[in-house]
Amino acid sequence: MAANFQYRVKIVRDCLYVVFTGKAGISDIKHSYQNLFEMADRHKITKVFKDCRELELACGSLELLQLMKQLKQDLQRFKIARLVSMQGHRQMLIQQIAANKKLDMENFYCKKQAELWLH
């Protein structure tokens, strides 16, 4: 059984670095995004580095699509690099939705490439 969902956030220069671990349902994902948006706004940050390598998405594709539609207006304000361990179905879906909605969000396997893309 996967560990409970949690995330750690630190600010490095002009970027939020977030490490996600455990099994996350759609409400976990939504609340984490809302918290990240608030923190980024408080610190006037527009770049987000998300380490999702130890995150298990426990939600359906339709739920992800609906959530990204709900959050689109906020997501458009940020440049988001997602570090993933493998390009699974849901990771590819998130990338495809981001492209279709013209969001500045990319998946990466290499931390260095993700950081270079952000800056």
C-alpha atoms as a PDB file:
ATOM      1  CA  MET A   1       0.000   0.000   0.000  1.00  0.00           C
ATOM      2  CA  ALA A   2       1.297   3.449  -0.907  1.00  0.00           C
ATOM      3  CA  ALA A   3       2.115   5.986   1.761  1.00  0.00           C
ATOM      4  CA  ASN A   4      -0.218   8.877   2.511  1.00  0.00           C
ATOM      5  CA  PHE A   5       0.064  11.853   0.207  1.00  0.00           C
ATOM      6  CA  GLN A   6       2.334  14.664   1.332  1.00  0.00           C
ATOM      7  CA  TYR A   7       4.461  17.390  -0.167  1.00  0.00           C
ATOM      8  CA  ARG A   8       7.336  19.590   0.887  1.00  0.00           C
ATOM      9  CA  VAL A   9       7.905  23.079  -0.496  1.00  0.00           C
ATOM     10  CA  LYS A  10      10.984  25.263  -0.492  1.00  0.00           C
ATOM     11  CA  ILE A  11      11.727  28.512  -2.255  1.00  0.00           C
ATOM     12  CA  VAL A  12      14.978  28.770  -4.173  1.00  0.00           C
ATOM     13  CA  ARG A  13      15.545  32.210  -5.695  1.00  0.00           C
ATOM     14  CA  ASP A  14      12.505  32.826  -7.928  1.00  0.00           C
ATOM     15  CA  CYS A  15      11.130  29.273  -7.961  1.00  0.00           C
ATOM     16  CA  LEU A  16       8.964  27.027  -5.793  1.00  0.00           C
ATOM     17  CA  TYR A  17      10.487  23.550  -5.472  1.00  0.00           C
ATOM     18  CA  VAL A  18       7.890  20.965  -4.479  1.00  0.00           C
ATOM     19  CA  VAL A  19       8.479  17.274  -3.749  1.00  0.00           C
ATOM     20  CA  PHE A  20       5.369  15.075  -3.805  1.00  0.00           C
ATOM     21  CA  THR A  21       5.239  11.612  -2.248  1.00  0.00           C
ATOM     22  CA  GLY A  22       2.589   8.989  -1.629  1.00  0.00           C
ATOM     23  CA  LYS A  23      -0.779   8.266  -3.134  1.00  0.00           C
ATOM     24  CA  ALA A  24      -2.853  11.320  -4.105  1.00  0.00           C
ATOM     25  CA  GLY A  25      -6.542  11.482  -4.879  1.00  0.00           C
ATOM     26  CA  ILE A  26      -8.047  14.288  -6.940  1.00  0.00           C
ATOM     27  CA  SER A  27      -8.922  16.368  -3.842  1.00  0.00           C
ATOM     28  CA  ASP A  28      -5.302  16.061  -2.623  1.00  0.00           C
ATOM     29  CA  ILE A  29      -4.041  17.334  -5.966  1.00  0.00           C
ATOM     30  CA  LYS A  30      -6.523  20.206  -6.045  1.00  0.00           C
ATOM     31  CA  HIS A  31      -5.688  21.349  -2.495  1.00  0.00           C
ATOM     32  CA  SER A  32      -1.944  21.125  -3.130  1.00  0.00           C
ATOM     33  CA  TYR A  33      -2.288  23.300  -6.246  1.00  0.00           C
ATOM     34  CA  GLN A  34      -4.397  25.852  -4.356  1.00  0.00           C
ATOM     35  CA  ASN A  35      -1.787  26.024  -1.579  1.00  0.00           C
ATOM     36  CA  LEU A  36       1.036  26.364  -4.114  1.00  0.00           C
ATOM     37  CA  PHE A  37      -0.787  29.159  -5.954  1.00  0.00           C
ATOM     38  CA  GLU A  38      -1.249  31.057  -2.674  1.00  0.00           C
ATOM     39  CA  MET A  39       2.387  30.615  -1.676  1.00  0.00           C
ATOM     40  CA  ALA A  40       3.639  31.635  -5.121  1.00  0.00           C
ATOM     41  CA  ASP A  41       1.453  34.748  -5.080  1.00  0.00           C
ATOM     42  CA  ARG A  42       2.676  35.728  -1.596  1.00  0.00           C
ATOM     43  CA  HIS A  43       6.283  35.504  -2.761  1.00  0.00           C
ATOM     44  CA  LYS A  44       5.649  36.815  -6.314  1.00  0.00           C
ATOM     45  CA  ILE A  45       6.919  33.587  -7.898  1.00  0.00           C
ATOM     46  CA  THR A  46       5.888  32.349 -11.343  1.00  0.00           C
ATOM     47  CA  LYS A  47       8.134  29.270 -11.716  1.00  0.00           C
ATOM     48  CA  VAL A  48       7.322  25.913 -10.149  1.00  0.00           C
ATOM     49  CA  PHE A  49       9.472  22.770 -10.099  1.00  0.00           C
ATOM     50  CA  LYS A  50       7.390  19.703  -9.179  1.00  0.00           C
ATOM     51  CA  ASP A  51       9.192  16.471  -8.326  1.00  0.00           C
ATOM     52  CA  CYS A  52       6.523  13.829  -8.971  1.00  0.00           C
ATOM     53  CA  ARG A  53       8.815  10.787  -9.099  1.00  0.00           C
ATOM     54  CA  GLU A  54       7.425   9.313  -5.861  1.00  0.00           C
ATOM     55  CA  LEU A  55       3.823  10.384  -6.459  1.00  0.00           C
ATOM     56  CA  GLU A  56       1.118   7.862  -7.265  1.00  0.00           C
ATOM     57  CA  LEU A  57      -1.972   9.385  -8.872  1.00  0.00           C
ATOM     58  CA  ALA A  58      -5.057   7.661  -7.466  1.00  0.00           C
ATOM     59  CA  CYS A  59      -7.598   9.286  -9.761  1.00  0.00           C
ATOM     60  CA  GLY A  60      -9.103   8.736 -13.154  1.00  0.00           C
ATOM     61  CA  SER A  61      -8.249  10.431 -16.425  1.00  0.00           C
ATOM     62  CA  LEU A  62     -11.583  12.253 -16.553  1.00  0.00           C
ATOM     63  CA  GLU A  63     -11.032  13.635 -13.044  1.00  0.00           C
ATOM     64  CA  LEU A  64      -7.593  14.949 -14.095  1.00  0.00           C
ATOM     65  CA  LEU A  65      -9.057  16.588 -17.193  1.00  0.00           C
ATOM     66  CA  GLN A  66     -11.835  18.260 -15.182  1.00  0.00           C
ATOM     67  CA  LEU A  67      -9.388  19.485 -12.536  1.00  0.00           C
ATOM     68  CA  MET A  68      -7.029  20.981 -15.112  1.00  0.00           C
ATOM     69  CA  LYS A  69      -9.995  22.763 -16.715  1.00  0.00           C
ATOM     70  CA  GLN A  70     -10.970  24.178 -13.296  1.00  0.00           C
ATOM     71  CA  LEU A  71      -7.415  25.314 -12.568  1.00  0.00           C
ATOM     72  CA  LYS A  72      -6.568  26.536 -16.088  1.00  0.00           C
ATOM     73  CA  GLN A  73      -6.793  30.240 -15.259  1.00  0.00           C
ATOM     74  CA  ASP A  74      -4.368  29.851 -12.346  1.00  0.00           C
ATOM     75  CA  LEU A  75      -2.087  27.387 -14.162  1.00  0.00           C
ATOM     76  CA  GLN A  76      -1.648  29.875 -17.031  1.00  0.00           C
ATOM     77  CA  ARG A  77       0.177  32.240 -14.677  1.00  0.00           C
ATOM     78  CA  PHE A  78       3.016  29.777 -14.077  1.00  0.00           C
ATOM     79  CA  LYS A  79       5.839  27.978 -15.826  1.00  0.00           C
ATOM     80  CA  ILE A  80       5.785  24.445 -14.396  1.00  0.00           C
ATOM     81  CA  ALA A  81       8.431  21.748 -14.814  1.00  0.00           C
ATOM     82  CA  ARG A  82       7.295  18.272 -13.729  1.00  0.00           C
ATOM     83  CA  LEU A  83      10.004  15.736 -12.900  1.00  0.00           C
ATOM     84  CA  VAL A  84       8.509  12.271 -13.499  1.00  0.00           C
ATOM     85  CA  SER A  85       9.993   8.794 -13.100  1.00  0.00           C
ATOM     86  CA  MET A  86       8.267   7.340 -16.144  1.00  0.00           C
ATOM     87  CA  GLN A  87       5.942   8.559 -18.827  1.00  0.00           C
ATOM     88  CA  GLY A  88       2.911   6.577 -17.697  1.00  0.00           C
ATOM     89  CA  HIS A  89      -0.609   7.049 -19.021  1.00  0.00           C
ATOM     90  CA  ARG A  90      -1.600   9.755 -16.544  1.00  0.00           C
ATOM     91  CA  GLN A  91       1.706  11.610 -16.874  1.00  0.00           C
ATOM     92  CA  MET A  92       1.272  11.681 -20.660  1.00  0.00           C
ATOM     93  CA  LEU A  93      -2.353  12.767 -20.237  1.00  0.00           C
ATOM     94  CA  ILE A  94      -1.325  15.701 -18.022  1.00  0.00           C
ATOM     95  CA  GLN A  95       1.286  16.710 -20.631  1.00  0.00           C
ATOM     96  CA  GLN A  96      -1.278  16.450 -23.453  1.00  0.00           C
ATOM     97  CA  ILE A  97      -3.915  18.462 -21.567  1.00  0.00           C
ATOM     98  CA  ALA A  98      -1.305  21.121 -20.785  1.00  0.00           C
ATOM     99  CA  ALA A  99      -0.379  21.347 -24.480  1.00  0.00           C
ATOM    100  CA  ASN A 100      -4.034  21.511 -25.573  1.00  0.00           C
ATOM    101  CA  LYS A 101      -4.778  24.261 -23.055  1.00  0.00           C
ATOM    102  CA  LYS A 102      -1.594  26.128 -24.031  1.00  0.00           C
ATOM    103  CA  LEU A 103      -0.135  25.863 -20.528  1.00  0.00           C
ATOM    104  CA  ASP A 104       3.574  26.389 -19.938  1.00  0.00           C
ATOM    105  CA  MET A 105       4.025  22.936 -18.373  1.00  0.00           C
ATOM    106  CA  GLU A 106       6.444  20.166 -19.372  1.00  0.00           C
ATOM    107  CA  ASN A 107       7.370  16.695 -18.116  1.00  0.00           C
ATOM    108  CA  PHE A 108      11.046  15.793 -17.659  1.00  0.00           C
ATOM    109  CA  TYR A 109      13.019  12.707 -16.618  1.00  0.00           C
ATOM    110  CA  CYS A 110      16.186  14.690 -15.850  1.00  0.00           C
ATOM    111  CA  LYS A 111      16.260  17.276 -13.035  1.00  0.00           C
ATOM    112  CA  LYS A 112      18.990  19.311 -14.745  1.00  0.00           C
ATOM    113  CA  GLN A 113      16.989  19.577 -17.995  1.00  0.00           C
ATOM    114  CA  ALA A 114      13.895  20.625 -16.036  1.00  0.00           C
ATOM    115  CA  GLU A 115      15.814  23.332 -14.196  1.00  0.00           C
ATOM    116  CA  LEU A 116      17.390  24.626 -17.424  1.00  0.00           C
ATOM    117  CA  TRP A 117      13.961  24.790 -19.080  1.00  0.00           C
ATOM    118  CA  LEU A 118      12.542  26.749 -16.114  1.00  0.00           C
ATOM    119  CA  HIS A 119      15.295  29.372 -16.203  1.00  0.00           C
END
